[in-house]
C-alpha atoms as a PDB file:
ATOM      1  CA  UNK A   1     -44.321   5.708 -14.325  1.00  0.00           C
ATOM      2  CA  UNK A   2     -41.649   7.257 -16.316  1.00  0.00           C
ATOM      3  CA  UNK A   3     -40.365   9.611 -14.305  1.00  0.00           C
ATOM      4  CA  UNK A   4     -39.571   6.888 -11.548  1.00  0.00           C
ATOM      5  CA  UNK A   5     -37.995   4.745 -14.278  1.00  0.00           C
ATOM      6  CA  UNK A   6     -35.954   8.020 -15.373  1.00  0.00           C
ATOM      7  CA  UNK A   7     -34.812   8.505 -11.578  1.00  0.00           C
ATOM      8  CA  UNK A   8     -34.065   5.272 -10.753  1.00  0.00           C
ATOM      9  CA  UNK A   9     -31.531   4.844 -14.261  1.00  0.00           C
ATOM     10  CA  UNK A  10     -30.105   8.147 -13.025  1.00  0.00           C
ATOM     11  CA  UNK A  11     -29.041   6.623  -9.584  1.00  0.00           C
ATOM     12  CA  UNK A  12     -28.332   3.350 -10.929  1.00  0.00           C
ATOM     13  CA  UNK A  13     -25.695   5.068 -13.191  1.00  0.00           C
ATOM     14  CA  UNK A  14     -24.254   6.898 -10.569  1.00  0.00           C
ATOM     15  CA  UNK A  15     -23.865   3.833  -8.290  1.00  0.00           C
ATOM     16  CA  UNK A  16     -22.424   1.973 -11.103  1.00  0.00           C
ATOM     17  CA  UNK A  17     -19.974   4.504 -11.171  1.00  0.00           C
ATOM     18  CA  UNK A  18     -18.968   4.520  -8.065  1.00  0.00           C
ATOM     19  CA  UNK A  19     -18.612   0.635  -7.909  1.00  0.00           C
ATOM     20  CA  UNK A  20     -16.306   0.927 -10.953  1.00  0.00           C
ATOM     21  CA  UNK A  21     -14.066   3.296  -9.087  1.00  0.00           C
ATOM     22  CA  UNK A  22     -13.966   1.325  -6.057  1.00  0.00           C
ATOM     23  CA  UNK A  23     -13.046  -1.833  -7.619  1.00  0.00           C
ATOM     24  CA  UNK A  24     -10.402   0.134 -10.076  1.00  0.00           C
ATOM     25  CA  UNK A  25      -9.083   1.270  -6.488  1.00  0.00           C
ATOM     26  CA  UNK A  26      -8.813  -2.594  -5.603  1.00  0.00           C
ATOM     27  CA  UNK A  27      -7.471  -3.769  -8.714  1.00  0.00           C
ATOM     28  CA  UNK A  28      -4.476  -0.994  -8.408  1.00  0.00           C
ATOM     29  CA  UNK A  29      -3.685  -1.692  -4.798  1.00  0.00           C
ATOM     30  CA  UNK A  30      -3.600  -5.653  -5.665  1.00  0.00           C
ATOM     31  CA  UNK A  31      -1.635  -4.879  -8.506  1.00  0.00           C
ATOM     32  CA  UNK A  32       0.871  -2.805  -6.788  1.00  0.00           C
ATOM     33  CA  UNK A  33       1.468  -4.756  -3.444  1.00  0.00           C
ATOM     34  CA  UNK A  34       2.229  -7.988  -5.653  1.00  0.00           C
ATOM     35  CA  UNK A  35       4.591  -6.153  -7.892  1.00  0.00           C
ATOM     36  CA  UNK A  36       6.470  -5.683  -4.267  1.00  0.00           C
ATOM     37  CA  UNK A  37       6.166  -9.641  -3.367  1.00  0.00           C
ATOM     38  CA  UNK A  38       7.807 -10.306  -6.988  1.00  0.00           C
ATOM     39  CA  UNK A  39      10.454  -8.180  -6.517  1.00  0.00           C
ATOM     40  CA  UNK A  40      10.882  -8.916  -2.943  1.00  0.00           C
ATOM     41  CA  UNK A  41      11.218 -12.840  -3.977  1.00  0.00           C
ATOM     42  CA  UNK A  42      10.286 -14.385  -0.161  1.00  0.00           C
ATOM     43  CA  UNK A  43       8.630 -16.500  -1.656  1.00  0.00           C
ATOM     44  CA  UNK A  44       9.961 -19.933  -3.151  1.00  0.00           C
ATOM     45  CA  UNK A  45       7.076 -21.349  -4.958  1.00  0.00           C
ATOM     46  CA  UNK A  46       4.477 -20.082  -7.504  1.00  0.00           C
ATOM     47  CA  UNK A  47       1.959 -21.423  -4.976  1.00  0.00           C
ATOM     48  CA  UNK A  48       2.965 -19.725  -2.477  1.00  0.00           C
ATOM     49  CA  UNK A  49       3.038 -16.242  -4.321  1.00  0.00           C
ATOM     50  CA  UNK A  50      -0.470 -17.139  -5.464  1.00  0.00           C
ATOM     51  CA  UNK A  51      -2.024 -17.788  -1.911  1.00  0.00           C
ATOM     52  CA  UNK A  52      -0.636 -14.488  -1.081  1.00  0.00           C
ATOM     53  CA  UNK A  53      -2.455 -12.826  -3.480  1.00  0.00           C
ATOM     54  CA  UNK A  54      -5.588 -14.819  -2.863  1.00  0.00           C
ATOM     55  CA  UNK A  55      -5.188 -13.427   0.787  1.00  0.00           C
ATOM     56  CA  UNK A  56      -4.641  -9.969  -0.629  1.00  0.00           C
ATOM     57  CA  UNK A  57      -7.493 -10.053  -2.882  1.00  0.00           C
ATOM     58  CA  UNK A  58      -9.606 -11.133  -0.084  1.00  0.00           C
ATOM     59  CA  UNK A  59      -8.274  -8.712   2.314  1.00  0.00           C
ATOM     60  CA  UNK A  60      -8.699  -5.461  -0.070  1.00  0.00           C
ATOM     61  CA  UNK A  61     -12.255  -6.747  -0.743  1.00  0.00           C
ATOM     62  CA  UNK A  62     -13.370  -6.413   2.807  1.00  0.00           C
ATOM     63  CA  UNK A  63     -12.299  -3.079   3.159  1.00  0.00           C
ATOM     64  CA  UNK A  64     -13.624  -2.182  -0.739  1.00  0.00           C
ATOM     65  CA  UNK A  65     -17.169  -3.431   0.320  1.00  0.00           C
ATOM     66  CA  UNK A  66     -17.033  -1.565   3.681  1.00  0.00           C
ATOM     67  CA  UNK A  67     -16.064   1.845   1.733  1.00  0.00           C
ATOM     68  CA  UNK A  68     -18.589   0.965  -0.719  1.00  0.00           C
ATOM     69  CA  UNK A  69     -21.398   0.585   1.788  1.00  0.00           C
ATOM     70  CA  UNK A  70     -20.231   3.558   3.297  1.00  0.00           C
ATOM     71  CA  UNK A  71     -20.712   5.796   0.325  1.00  0.00           C
ATOM     72  CA  UNK A  72     -23.528   4.019  -0.743  1.00  0.00           C
ATOM     73  CA  UNK A  73     -25.719   4.862   2.381  1.00  0.00           C
ATOM     74  CA  UNK A  74     -23.901   8.429   2.200  1.00  0.00           C
ATOM     75  CA  UNK A  75     -25.524   9.141  -1.312  1.00  0.00           C
END
């Protein structure tokens, strides 16, 4: 039983590192693209900009979940 707990905790640590890594890449992507939105300034209101950022977060999260699925089953 003790060996199972150690094994499970080690596997969970590896999965956590992968999850944090994918989350950080997603966060960096959203920030960089948001800065491009700001510099391009095609949005006339703050609401339009926030809606674009929300759509960007949802879009990148779908891609990040798919990548996480591939990495999880690949390990």
